[in-house]
Structures are given as C-alpha cells and as structure tokens.
Amino acid sequence: MGAHPEGCASFFMHILTSLPGEGAVKDALIREIKTGFELIKANEKKEEIVAAHEASKWKNHRTIPGLGKAVAFYPKDEYFRLLRKYGRHEVNSKEFIRYHQKKFPHLAPNKI
C-alpha cells in the first residue's frame, strides 16, 4: 500500500466523509472515534491519579542503600512514551527529573 498524496489526516477525513449511506454509518463511526479519544483521556487521568497516590506513599522516605530514593513517578503509558521519544539516558538524567519535579510536583515525592 503506497502513501496517500493528501497526507494521512486528510486521507482519513476523506474516508469519513465519503462513506455510503444517508449518515447513520458515518455518524456511528464518528461517534466511535470520539468515544475512543474520550476513553484514552479518561484512562490517562486515572493513571496520573494512581501515580500521584503512589508518590504520596513515598514522600519523605529515606534513601534506600543500593537503590537510592524515589524522586519521580510517571503514569506508565507516559513513561514509556517518554522513553521512546527521548531515550532512557535523557529521561533518567538529573536535568529531566528536575524539570519533571517542577512541572508535576504531585508526582515528585522527594527532591533530587
């Protein structure tokens, strides 16, 4: 299958707008896509709540010999997305963790 000349987004819009029928099938497909995006956003919020709860358990914990201390928690999907985008070395760097602690203080139980 080759690349579509109009680009990926316009290709899908073309499919959505050129479905046969008087609109019932098209409306059902659009509704399914919208609810899928809403479900993804709801799951992201739930994962952040779980990570924040876990981070609160580790607040003011001492350093564990050989392991260090908990300084940042990430929702699982977000963590793996960051690893793919920036790489393990960057995500685990002090600068990145400091930025994360400033941006998401509820996910940072201890200072680095």
Protein backbone atom coordinates (compact mmCIF):
# COMPACT_ATOMS: atom_id res chain seq x y z
CA MET A 1 0.00 0.00 0.00
CA GLY A 2 1.54 3.32 -1.04
CA ALA A 3 1.42 6.69 0.63
CA HIS A 4 -1.67 8.79 0.09
CA PRO A 5 -0.84 12.06 -1.72
CA GLU A 6 -3.07 14.21 0.50
CA GLY A 7 -1.44 13.06 3.74
CA CYS A 8 -2.64 10.74 6.45
CA ALA A 9 -5.07 13.09 8.24
CA SER A 10 -6.84 14.19 5.09
CA PHE A 11 -6.95 10.57 3.91
CA PHE A 12 -8.96 9.57 6.99
CA MET A 13 -11.19 12.62 6.67
CA HIS A 14 -11.85 11.59 3.07
CA ILE A 15 -12.90 8.14 4.28
CA LEU A 16 -15.16 9.65 6.94
CA THR A 17 -16.88 12.00 4.53
CA SER A 18 -17.22 9.58 1.63
CA LEU A 19 -18.94 6.68 3.38
CA PRO A 20 -22.03 5.41 1.60
CA GLY A 21 -25.43 5.80 3.17
CA GLU A 22 -27.51 8.65 4.42
CA GLY A 23 -25.41 9.25 7.50
CA ALA A 24 -26.19 6.51 10.01
CA VAL A 25 -23.00 4.59 9.33
CA LYS A 26 -20.91 7.75 9.16
CA ASP A 27 -22.44 9.10 12.40
CA ALA A 28 -21.80 5.78 14.16
CA LEU A 29 -18.17 5.76 13.01
CA ILE A 30 -17.58 9.35 14.09
CA ARG A 31 -19.22 8.66 17.47
CA GLU A 32 -17.00 5.58 17.94
CA ILE A 33 -13.84 7.58 17.17
CA LYS A 34 -14.84 10.38 19.56
CA THR A 35 -15.65 7.99 22.40
CA GLY A 36 -12.32 6.23 21.81
CA PHE A 37 -10.45 9.51 22.28
CA GLU A 38 -12.52 10.29 25.38
CA LEU A 39 -11.68 6.86 26.80
CA ILE A 40 -7.97 7.43 26.22
CA LYS A 41 -8.12 10.79 28.03
CA ALA A 42 -10.08 9.29 30.93
CA ASN A 43 -7.53 6.46 31.27
CA GLU A 44 -4.65 8.97 31.27
CA LYS A 45 -6.30 10.85 34.14
CA LYS A 46 -6.80 7.63 36.08
CA GLU A 47 -3.17 6.62 35.58
CA GLU A 48 -1.99 10.03 36.80
CA ILE A 49 -4.14 9.68 39.92
CA VAL A 50 -2.63 6.24 40.60
CA ALA A 51 0.91 7.61 40.12
CA ALA A 52 0.17 10.57 42.43
CA HIS A 53 -1.17 8.20 45.11
CA GLU A 54 1.94 6.03 44.84
CA ALA A 55 4.17 9.13 45.01
CA SER A 56 2.42 10.30 48.18
CA LYS A 57 3.29 6.97 49.87
CA TRP A 58 7.00 7.63 49.22
CA LYS A 59 7.02 11.24 50.46
CA ASN A 60 9.92 11.92 52.87
CA HIS A 61 11.24 8.34 52.70
CA ARG A 62 14.90 7.90 53.43
CA THR A 63 17.43 6.77 50.86
CA ILE A 64 17.49 3.01 50.45
CA PRO A 65 21.08 1.69 50.24
CA GLY A 66 21.79 0.41 46.76
CA LEU A 67 18.53 1.77 45.34
CA GLY A 68 18.54 5.47 46.19
CA LYS A 69 15.32 7.35 46.86
CA ALA A 70 12.09 7.84 44.97
CA VAL A 71 12.28 11.22 43.22
CA ALA A 72 9.78 10.95 40.35
CA PHE A 73 6.72 8.92 39.44
CA TYR A 74 5.24 8.74 35.96
CA PRO A 75 1.99 7.24 34.69
CA LYS A 76 3.05 4.01 32.97
CA ASP A 77 1.98 4.95 29.43
CA GLU A 78 3.57 8.39 29.76
CA TYR A 79 6.85 6.88 30.98
CA PHE A 80 7.14 4.54 28.00
CA ARG A 81 6.17 7.35 25.62
CA LEU A 82 8.96 9.49 27.09
CA LEU A 83 11.43 6.62 26.74
CA ARG A 84 10.56 6.21 23.05
CA LYS A 85 10.77 9.94 22.41
CA TYR A 86 13.88 10.93 24.42
CA GLY A 87 15.64 7.69 25.35
CA ARG A 88 16.44 6.14 28.72
CA HIS A 89 19.58 8.21 29.30
CA GLU A 90 17.73 11.53 28.91
CA VAL A 91 14.65 10.50 30.90
CA ASN A 92 16.84 9.38 33.81
CA SER A 93 19.09 12.47 33.73
CA LYS A 94 19.07 14.90 36.68
CA GLU A 95 18.01 17.81 34.46
CA PHE A 96 14.99 15.91 33.12
CA ILE A 97 13.94 14.79 36.61
CA ARG A 98 14.30 18.35 37.95
CA TYR A 99 12.08 19.60 35.14
CA HIS A 100 9.54 16.85 35.92
CA GLN A 101 9.60 17.80 39.62
CA LYS A 102 8.86 21.45 38.80
CA LYS A 103 6.16 20.66 36.25
CA PHE A 104 4.45 17.87 38.25
CA PRO A 105 5.12 18.40 41.98
CA HIS A 106 2.36 15.95 42.92
CA LEU A 107 4.36 13.18 41.19
CA ALA A 108 7.68 14.06 42.89
CA PRO A 109 7.81 12.75 46.47
CA ASN A 110 11.41 13.80 47.22
CA LYS A 111 13.90 16.29 45.86
CA ILE A 112 16.76 15.02 43.74
